[in-house]
């Protein structure tokens, strides 16, 4: 029974989900290479972004918190609805 719940949550068997994620990761990695992006460059850009937030002060942090809250007001209910409809199938 627990295995069925896990498969339902993952959207398939563990092996098939892992293969799909591997394939999608390969496609995303190829697209990133095509665009000249690297994981190191993305990490450094994220680190610069966090540092710039500190430089701007807490007003920027408050604004980003508002963005997250506004996004969550839309994303979380849609995610819950998708999980409910997926559970009914």
PDB file of N, CA and C in Angstrom:
ATOM      1  N   UNK A   1       0.819  -1.199   0.000  1.00  0.00           N
ATOM      2  CA  UNK A   1       0.000   0.000   0.000  1.00  0.00           C
ATOM      3  C   UNK A   1       0.858   1.256   0.000  1.00  0.00           C
ATOM      4  N   UNK A   2       1.916   1.280   0.812  1.00  0.00           N
ATOM      5  CA  UNK A   2       2.788   2.450   0.860  1.00  0.00           C
ATOM      6  C   UNK A   2       3.492   2.657  -0.469  1.00  0.00           C
ATOM      7  N   UNK A   3       3.852   1.561  -1.136  1.00  0.00           N
ATOM      8  CA  UNK A   3       4.512   1.665  -2.424  1.00  0.00           C
ATOM      9  C   UNK A   3       3.593   2.315  -3.454  1.00  0.00           C
ATOM     10  N   UNK A   4       2.309   1.984  -3.423  1.00  0.00           N
ATOM     11  CA  UNK A   4       1.337   2.598  -4.328  1.00  0.00           C
ATOM     12  C   UNK A   4       1.196   4.087  -4.075  1.00  0.00           C
ATOM     13  N   UNK A   5       1.224   4.494  -2.813  1.00  0.00           N
ATOM     14  CA  UNK A   5       1.142   5.915  -2.483  1.00  0.00           C
ATOM     15  C   UNK A   5       2.365   6.658  -2.995  1.00  0.00           C
ATOM     16  N   UNK A   6       3.529   6.049  -2.851  1.00  0.00           N
ATOM     17  CA  UNK A   6       4.760   6.685  -3.333  1.00  0.00           C
ATOM     18  C   UNK A   6       4.722   6.806  -4.846  1.00  0.00           C
ATOM     19  N   UNK A   7       4.302   5.750  -5.531  1.00  0.00           N
ATOM     20  CA  UNK A   7       4.215   5.806  -6.990  1.00  0.00           C
ATOM     21  C   UNK A   7       3.202   6.841  -7.444  1.00  0.00           C
ATOM     22  N   UNK A   8       2.099   6.952  -6.737  1.00  0.00           N
ATOM     23  CA  UNK A   8       1.092   7.945  -7.089  1.00  0.00           C
ATOM     24  C   UNK A   8       1.647   9.348  -6.892  1.00  0.00           C
ATOM     25  N   UNK A   9       2.393   9.551  -5.799  1.00  0.00           N
ATOM     26  CA  UNK A   9       2.980  10.868  -5.537  1.00  0.00           C
ATOM     27  C   UNK A   9       4.037  11.219  -6.580  1.00  0.00           C
ATOM     28  N   UNK A  10       4.895  10.264  -6.923  1.00  0.00           N
ATOM     29  CA  UNK A  10       5.968  10.522  -7.881  1.00  0.00           C
ATOM     30  C   UNK A  10       5.461  10.596  -9.310  1.00  0.00           C
ATOM     31  N   UNK A  11       4.345   9.981  -9.599  1.00  0.00           N
ATOM     32  CA  UNK A  11       3.822   9.966 -10.956  1.00  0.00           C
ATOM     33  C   UNK A  11       4.263   8.743 -11.731  1.00  0.00           C
ATOM     34  N   UNK A  12       4.669   7.708 -11.063  1.00  0.00           N
ATOM     35  CA  UNK A  12       5.125   6.472 -11.705  1.00  0.00           C
ATOM     36  C   UNK A  12       6.088   5.754 -10.790  1.00  0.00           C
ATOM     37  N   UNK A  13       6.641   4.683 -11.318  1.00  0.00           N
ATOM     38  CA  UNK A  13       7.595   3.937 -10.508  1.00  0.00           C
ATOM     39  C   UNK A  13       8.873   4.744 -10.326  1.00  0.00           C
ATOM     40  N   UNK A  14       9.603   4.440  -9.289  1.00  0.00           N
ATOM     41  CA  UNK A  14      10.816   5.176  -8.962  1.00  0.00           C
ATOM     42  C   UNK A  14      11.806   5.136 -10.127  1.00  0.00           C
ATOM     43  N   UNK A  15      11.988   3.977 -10.730  1.00  0.00           N
ATOM     44  CA  UNK A  15      12.937   3.843 -11.825  1.00  0.00           C
ATOM     45  C   UNK A  15      12.517   4.684 -13.037  1.00  0.00           C
ATOM     46  N   UNK A  16      11.242   4.648 -13.393  1.00  0.00           N
ATOM     47  CA  UNK A  16      10.796   5.432 -14.550  1.00  0.00           C
ATOM     48  C   UNK A  16      10.918   6.929 -14.281  1.00  0.00           C
ATOM     49  N   UNK A  17      10.640   7.354 -13.059  1.00  0.00           N
ATOM     50  CA  UNK A  17      10.778   8.771 -12.714  1.00  0.00           C
ATOM     51  C   UNK A  17      12.250   9.176 -12.773  1.00  0.00           C
ATOM     52  N   UNK A  18      13.127   8.322 -12.274  1.00  0.00           N
ATOM     53  CA  UNK A  18      14.559   8.628 -12.319  1.00  0.00           C
ATOM     54  C   UNK A  18      15.056   8.720 -13.760  1.00  0.00           C
ATOM     55  N   UNK A  19      14.580   7.853 -14.635  1.00  0.00           N
ATOM     56  CA  UNK A  19      14.994   7.890 -16.042  1.00  0.00           C
ATOM     57  C   UNK A  19      14.478   9.172 -16.704  1.00  0.00           C
ATOM     58  N   UNK A  20      13.216   9.533 -16.425  1.00  0.00           N
ATOM     59  CA  UNK A  20      12.672  10.767 -16.990  1.00  0.00           C
ATOM     60  C   UNK A  20      13.451  11.991 -16.506  1.00  0.00           C
ATOM     61  N   UNK A  21      13.761  12.018 -15.203  1.00  0.00           N
ATOM     62  CA  UNK A  21      14.516  13.147 -14.666  1.00  0.00           C
ATOM     63  C   UNK A  21      15.918  13.210 -15.256  1.00  0.00           C
ATOM     64  N   UNK A  22      16.542  12.064 -15.472  1.00  0.00           N
ATOM     65  CA  UNK A  22      17.860  12.021 -16.094  1.00  0.00           C
ATOM     66  C   UNK A  22      17.799  12.583 -17.514  1.00  0.00           C
ATOM     67  N   UNK A  23      16.794  12.183 -18.279  1.00  0.00           N
ATOM     68  CA  UNK A  23      16.636  12.654 -19.650  1.00  0.00           C
ATOM     69  C   UNK A  23      16.370  14.160 -19.687  1.00  0.00           C
ATOM     70  N   UNK A  24      15.489  14.640 -18.826  1.00  0.00           N
ATOM     71  CA  UNK A  24      15.196  16.071 -18.779  1.00  0.00           C
ATOM     72  C   UNK A  24      16.430  16.847 -18.344  1.00  0.00           C
ATOM     73  N   UNK A  25      17.189  16.309 -17.381  1.00  0.00           N
ATOM     74  CA  UNK A  25      18.417  16.964 -16.945  1.00  0.00           C
ATOM     75  C   UNK A  25      19.419  17.063 -18.082  1.00  0.00           C
ATOM     76  N   UNK A  26      19.493  16.021 -18.895  1.00  0.00           N
ATOM     77  CA  UNK A  26      20.384  16.041 -20.056  1.00  0.00           C
ATOM     78  C   UNK A  26      19.962  17.128 -21.041  1.00  0.00           C
ATOM     79  N   UNK A  27      18.659  17.232 -21.306  1.00  0.00           N
ATOM     80  CA  UNK A  27      18.170  18.259 -22.221  1.00  0.00           C
ATOM     81  C   UNK A  27      18.427  19.667 -21.685  1.00  0.00           C
ATOM     82  N   UNK A  28      18.178  19.872 -20.406  1.00  0.00           N
ATOM     83  CA  UNK A  28      18.405  21.187 -19.803  1.00  0.00           C
ATOM     84  C   UNK A  28      19.897  21.513 -19.805  1.00  0.00           C
ATOM     85  N   UNK A  29      20.728  20.534 -19.499  1.00  0.00           N
ATOM     86  CA  UNK A  29      22.174  20.753 -19.527  1.00  0.00           C
ATOM     87  C   UNK A  29      22.659  21.107 -20.921  1.00  0.00           C
ATOM     88  N   UNK A  30      22.129  20.449 -21.948  1.00  0.00           N
ATOM     89  CA  UNK A  30      22.508  20.757 -23.324  1.00  0.00           C
ATOM     90  C   UNK A  30      22.049  22.169 -23.699  1.00  0.00           C
ATOM     91  N   UNK A  31      20.847  22.542 -23.283  1.00  0.00           N
ATOM     92  CA  UNK A  31      20.355  23.894 -23.568  1.00  0.00           C
ATOM     93  C   UNK A  31      21.212  24.943 -22.865  1.00  0.00           C
ATOM     94  N   UNK A  32      21.601  24.656 -21.619  1.00  0.00           N
ATOM     95  CA  UNK A  32      22.464  25.589 -20.893  1.00  0.00           C
ATOM     96  C   UNK A  32      23.811  25.726 -21.587  1.00  0.00           C
ATOM     97  N   UNK A  33      24.369  24.615 -22.048  1.00  0.00           N
ATOM     98  CA  UNK A  33      25.646  24.668 -22.755  1.00  0.00           C
ATOM     99  C   UNK A  33      25.502  25.457 -24.052  1.00  0.00           C
ATOM    100  N   UNK A  34      24.393  25.273 -24.749  1.00  0.00           N
ATOM    101  CA  UNK A  34      24.136  26.006 -25.986  1.00  0.00           C
ATOM    102  C   UNK A  34      24.071  27.504 -25.735  1.00  0.00           C
ATOM    103  N   UNK A  35      23.477  27.892 -24.600  1.00  0.00           N
ATOM    104  CA  UNK A  35      23.346  29.304 -24.257  1.00  0.00           C
ATOM    105  C   UNK A  35      24.587  29.867 -23.579  1.00  0.00           C
ATOM    106  N   UNK A  36      25.578  29.008 -23.334  1.00  0.00           N
ATOM    107  CA  UNK A  36      26.812  29.462 -22.710  1.00  0.00           C
ATOM    108  C   UNK A  36      26.711  29.631 -21.209  1.00  0.00           C
ATOM    109  N   UNK A  37      25.756  28.960 -20.597  1.00  0.00           N
ATOM    110  CA  UNK A  37      25.596  29.027 -19.141  1.00  0.00           C
ATOM    111  C   UNK A  37      26.279  27.835 -18.497  1.00  0.00           C
ATOM    112  N   UNK A  38      26.792  28.059 -17.314  1.00  0.00           N
ATOM    113  CA  UNK A  38      27.388  26.955 -16.566  1.00  0.00           C
ATOM    114  C   UNK A  38      26.849  26.996 -15.141  1.00  0.00           C
ATOM    115  N   UNK A  39      26.862  25.861 -14.462  1.00  0.00           N
ATOM    116  CA  UNK A  39      26.388  25.859 -13.073  1.00  0.00           C
ATOM    117  C   UNK A  39      27.181  26.836 -12.199  1.00  0.00           C
ATOM    118  N   UNK A  40      28.487  26.921 -12.428  1.00  0.00           N
ATOM    119  CA  UNK A  40      29.312  27.844 -11.642  1.00  0.00           C
ATOM    120  C   UNK A  40      28.874  29.287 -11.878  1.00  0.00           C
ATOM    121  N   UNK A  41      28.625  29.654 -13.130  1.00  0.00           N
ATOM    122  CA  UNK A  41      28.204  31.018 -13.429  1.00  0.00           C
ATOM    123  C   UNK A  41      26.849  31.321 -12.803  1.00  0.00           C
ATOM    124  N   UNK A  42      25.939  30.353 -12.832  1.00  0.00           N
ATOM    125  CA  UNK A  42      24.625  30.558 -12.203  1.00  0.00           C
ATOM    126  C   UNK A  42      24.749  30.725 -10.701  1.00  0.00           C
ATOM    127  N   UNK A  43      25.617  29.915 -10.085  1.00  0.00           N
ATOM    128  CA  UNK A  43      25.827  30.024  -8.640  1.00  0.00           C
ATOM    129  C   UNK A  43      26.434  31.373  -8.291  1.00  0.00           C
ATOM    130  N   UNK A  44      27.412  31.807  -9.075  1.00  0.00           N
ATOM    131  CA  UNK A  44      28.046  33.103  -8.809  1.00  0.00           C
ATOM    132  C   UNK A  44      27.055  34.245  -8.999  1.00  0.00           C
ATOM    133  N   UNK A  45      26.189  34.150  -9.997  1.00  0.00           N
ATOM    134  CA  UNK A  45      25.166  35.178 -10.204  1.00  0.00           C
ATOM    135  C   UNK A  45      24.189  35.210  -9.028  1.00  0.00           C
ATOM    136  N   UNK A  46      23.821  34.030  -8.529  1.00  0.00           N
ATOM    137  CA  UNK A  46      22.924  33.975  -7.365  1.00  0.00           C
ATOM    138  C   UNK A  46      23.608  34.569  -6.136  1.00  0.00           C
ATOM    139  N   UNK A  47      24.894  34.283  -5.965  1.00  0.00           N
ATOM    140  CA  UNK A  47      25.634  34.830  -4.828  1.00  0.00           C
ATOM    141  C   UNK A  47      25.736  36.355  -4.937  1.00  0.00           C
ATOM    142  N   UNK A  48      25.982  36.868  -6.144  1.00  0.00           N
ATOM    143  CA  UNK A  48      26.024  38.326  -6.341  1.00  0.00           C
ATOM    144  C   UNK A  48      24.666  38.951  -6.028  1.00  0.00           C
ATOM    145  N   UNK A  49      23.607  38.254  -6.425  1.00  0.00           N
ATOM    146  CA  UNK A  49      22.257  38.747  -6.166  1.00  0.00           C
ATOM    147  C   UNK A  49      21.998  38.850  -4.663  1.00  0.00           C
ATOM    148  N   UNK A  50      22.386  37.812  -3.922  1.00  0.00           N
ATOM    149  CA  UNK A  50      22.179  37.822  -2.470  1.00  0.00           C
ATOM    150  C   UNK A  50      23.012  38.932  -1.834  1.00  0.00           C
ATOM    151  N   UNK A  51      24.260  39.108  -2.298  1.00  0.00           N
ATOM    152  CA  UNK A  51      25.101  40.185  -1.770  1.00  0.00           C
ATOM    153  C   UNK A  51      24.493  41.548  -2.072  1.00  0.00           C
ATOM    154  N   UNK A  52      23.951  41.718  -3.265  1.00  0.00           N
ATOM    155  CA  UNK A  52      23.353  43.007  -3.620  1.00  0.00           C
ATOM    156  C   UNK A  52      22.118  43.289  -2.775  1.00  0.00           C
ATOM    157  N   UNK A  53      21.408  42.244  -2.387  1.00  0.00           N
ATOM    158  CA  UNK A  53      20.268  42.443  -1.480  1.00  0.00           C
ATOM    159  C   UNK A  53      20.728  43.021  -0.161  1.00  0.00           C
ATOM    160  N   UNK A  54      21.826  42.488   0.338  1.00  0.00           N
ATOM    161  CA  UNK A  54      22.377  43.021   1.584  1.00  0.00           C
ATOM    162  C   UNK A  54      22.832  44.462   1.429  1.00  0.00           C
ATOM    163  N   UNK A  55      23.383  44.787   0.264  1.00  0.00           N
ATOM    164  CA  UNK A  55      23.835  46.153   0.011  1.00  0.00           C
ATOM    165  C   UNK A  55      22.665  47.129  -0.098  1.00  0.00           C
ATOM    166  N   UNK A  56      21.554  46.672  -0.639  1.00  0.00           N
ATOM    167  CA  UNK A  56      20.398  47.543  -0.803  1.00  0.00           C
ATOM    168  C   UNK A  56      19.657  47.783   0.507  1.00  0.00           C
ATOM    169  N   UNK A  57      19.801  46.877   1.431  1.00  0.00           N
ATOM    170  CA  UNK A  57      19.107  47.012   2.696  1.00  0.00           C
ATOM    171  C   UNK A  57      17.901  46.093   2.763  1.00  0.00           C
ATOM    172  N   UNK A  58      17.178  46.215   3.838  1.00  0.00           N
ATOM    173  CA  UNK A  58      16.082  45.294   4.082  1.00  0.00           C
ATOM    174  C   UNK A  58      14.821  45.640   3.299  1.00  0.00           C
ATOM    175  N   UNK A  59      14.771  46.816   2.689  1.00  0.00           N
ATOM    176  CA  UNK A  59      13.618  47.156   1.852  1.00  0.00           C
ATOM    177  C   UNK A  59      13.505  46.215   0.671  1.00  0.00           C
ATOM    178  N   UNK A  60      14.667  45.852   0.119  1.00  0.00           N
ATOM    179  CA  UNK A  60      14.665  44.910  -1.004  1.00  0.00           C
ATOM    180  C   UNK A  60      14.216  43.534  -0.542  1.00  0.00           C
ATOM    181  N   UNK A  61      14.638  43.133   0.644  1.00  0.00           N
ATOM    182  CA  UNK A  61      14.231  41.840   1.178  1.00  0.00           C
ATOM    183  C   UNK A  61      12.720  41.814   1.387  1.00  0.00           C
ATOM    184  N   UNK A  62      12.179  42.913   1.884  1.00  0.00           N
ATOM    185  CA  UNK A  62      10.730  42.998   2.089  1.00  0.00           C
ATOM    186  C   UNK A  62      10.003  42.901   0.742  1.00  0.00           C
ATOM    187  N   UNK A  63      10.544  43.573  -0.286  1.00  0.00           N
ATOM    188  CA  UNK A  63       9.907  43.531  -1.599  1.00  0.00           C
ATOM    189  C   UNK A  63       9.947  42.128  -2.188  1.00  0.00           C
ATOM    190  N   UNK A  64      11.054  41.442  -2.035  1.00  0.00           N
ATOM    191  CA  UNK A  64      11.148  40.065  -2.532  1.00  0.00           C
ATOM    192  C   UNK A  64      10.196  39.163  -1.756  1.00  0.00           C
ATOM    193  N   UNK A  65      10.070  39.389  -0.461  1.00  0.00           N
ATOM    194  CA  UNK A  65       9.108  38.631   0.331  1.00  0.00           C
ATOM    195  C   UNK A  65       7.688  38.836  -0.177  1.00  0.00           C
ATOM    196  N   UNK A  66       7.382  40.052  -0.589  1.00  0.00           N
ATOM    197  CA  UNK A  66       6.059  40.324  -1.152  1.00  0.00           C
ATOM    198  C   UNK A  66       5.886  39.604  -2.484  1.00  0.00           C
ATOM    199  N   UNK A  67       6.934  39.539  -3.290  1.00  0.00           N
ATOM    200  CA  UNK A  67       6.861  38.803  -4.553  1.00  0.00           C
ATOM    201  C   UNK A  67       6.592  37.327  -4.297  1.00  0.00           C
ATOM    202  N   UNK A  68       7.313  36.784  -3.308  1.00  0.00           N
ATOM    203  CA  UNK A  68       7.136  35.369  -2.979  1.00  0.00           C
ATOM    204  C   UNK A  68       5.715  35.116  -2.492  1.00  0.00           C
ATOM    205  N   UNK A  69       5.227  35.980  -1.642  1.00  0.00           N
ATOM    206  CA  UNK A  69       3.866  35.824  -1.125  1.00  0.00           C
ATOM    207  C   UNK A  69       2.835  35.933  -2.243  1.00  0.00           C
ATOM    208  N   UNK A  70       3.005  36.901  -3.133  1.00  0.00           N
ATOM    209  CA  UNK A  70       2.071  37.051  -4.247  1.00  0.00           C
ATOM    210  C   UNK A  70       2.101  35.822  -5.146  1.00  0.00           C
ATOM    211  N   UNK A  71       3.288  35.302  -5.420  1.00  0.00           N
ATOM    212  CA  UNK A  71       3.401  34.102  -6.246  1.00  0.00           C
ATOM    213  C   UNK A  71       2.791  32.896  -5.551  1.00  0.00           C
ATOM    214  N   UNK A  72       3.020  32.798  -4.242  1.00  0.00           N
ATOM    215  CA  UNK A  72       2.498  31.659  -3.490  1.00  0.00           C
ATOM    216  C   UNK A  72       0.973  31.670  -3.455  1.00  0.00           C
ATOM    217  N   UNK A  73       0.380  32.852  -3.462  1.00  0.00           N
ATOM    218  CA  UNK A  73      -1.076  32.932  -3.471  1.00  0.00           C
ATOM    219  C   UNK A  73      -1.667  32.313  -4.727  1.00  0.00           C
ATOM    220  N   UNK A  74      -0.914  32.276  -5.790  1.00  0.00           N
ATOM    221  CA  UNK A  74      -1.378  31.661  -7.027  1.00  0.00           C
ATOM    222  C   UNK A  74      -0.881  30.227  -7.159  1.00  0.00           C
ATOM    223  N   UNK A  75       0.384  30.010  -6.856  1.00  0.00           N
ATOM    224  CA  UNK A  75       1.004  28.709  -7.106  1.00  0.00           C
ATOM    225  C   UNK A  75       0.508  27.629  -6.154  1.00  0.00           C
ATOM    226  N   UNK A  76       0.430  27.923  -4.871  1.00  0.00           N
ATOM    227  CA  UNK A  76       0.074  26.894  -3.884  1.00  0.00           C
ATOM    228  C   UNK A  76      -1.334  26.344  -4.118  1.00  0.00           C
ATOM    229  N   UNK A  77      -2.356  27.174  -4.314  1.00  0.00           N
ATOM    230  CA  UNK A  77      -3.681  26.590  -4.588  1.00  0.00           C
ATOM    231  C   UNK A  77      -3.718  25.771  -5.876  1.00  0.00           C
ATOM    232  N   UNK A  78      -3.023  26.247  -6.923  1.00  0.00           N
ATOM    233  CA  UNK A  78      -2.992  25.474  -8.165  1.00  0.00           C
ATOM    234  C   UNK A  78      -2.297  24.137  -7.967  1.00  0.00           C
ATOM    235  N   UNK A  79      -1.226  24.148  -7.182  1.00  0.00           N
ATOM    236  CA  UNK A  79      -0.514  22.898  -6.906  1.00  0.00           C
ATOM    237  C   UNK A  79      -1.412  21.948  -6.116  1.00  0.00           C
ATOM    238  N   UNK A  80      -2.096  22.473  -5.104  1.00  0.00           N
ATOM    239  CA  UNK A  80      -2.991  21.624  -4.312  1.00  0.00           C
ATOM    240  C   UNK A  80      -4.103  21.052  -5.183  1.00  0.00           C
ATOM    241  N   UNK A  81      -4.674  21.871  -6.056  1.00  0.00           N
ATOM    242  CA  UNK A  81      -5.722  21.370  -6.948  1.00  0.00           C
ATOM    243  C   UNK A  81      -5.187  20.291  -7.877  1.00  0.00           C
ATOM    244  N   UNK A  82      -3.991  20.485  -8.391  1.00  0.00           N
ATOM    245  CA  UNK A  82      -3.419  19.464  -9.284  1.00  0.00           C
ATOM    246  C   UNK A  82      -3.188  18.167  -8.532  1.00  0.00           C
ATOM    247  N   UNK A  83      -2.754  18.238  -7.275  1.00  0.00           N
ATOM    248  CA  UNK A  83      -2.536  17.031  -6.479  1.00  0.00           C
ATOM    249  C   UNK A  83      -3.873  16.353  -6.173  1.00  0.00           C
ATOM    250  N   UNK A  84      -4.913  17.145  -5.912  1.00  0.00           N
ATOM    251  CA  UNK A  84      -6.225  16.560  -5.618  1.00  0.00           C
ATOM    252  C   UNK A  84      -6.784  15.848  -6.852  1.00  0.00           C
ATOM    253  N   UNK A  85      -6.675  16.499  -8.022  1.00  0.00           N
ATOM    254  CA  UNK A  85      -7.173  15.867  -9.240  1.00  0.00           C
ATOM    255  C   UNK A  85      -6.336  14.646  -9.613  1.00  0.00           C
ATOM    256  N   UNK A  86      -5.043  14.692  -9.334  1.00  0.00           N
ATOM    257  CA  UNK A  86      -4.188  13.537  -9.623  1.00  0.00           C
ATOM    258  C   UNK A  86      -4.530  12.373  -8.694  1.00  0.00           C
ATOM    259  N   UNK A  87      -4.919  12.681  -7.455  1.00  0.00           N
ATOM    260  CA  UNK A  87      -5.249  11.632  -6.496  1.00  0.00           C
ATOM    261  C   UNK A  87      -6.579  10.951  -6.858  1.00  0.00           C
ATOM    262  N   UNK A  88      -7.460  11.674  -7.521  1.00  0.00           N
ATOM    263  CA  UNK A  88      -8.761  11.088  -7.874  1.00  0.00           C
ATOM    264  C   UNK A  88      -8.668  10.118  -9.022  1.00  0.00           C
ATOM    265  N   UNK A  89      -7.627  10.216  -9.814  1.00  0.00           N
ATOM    266  CA  UNK A  89      -7.486   9.291 -10.967  1.00  0.00           C
ATOM    267  C   UNK A  89      -7.050   7.943 -10.556  1.00  0.00           C
TER     268      UNK A  89
END
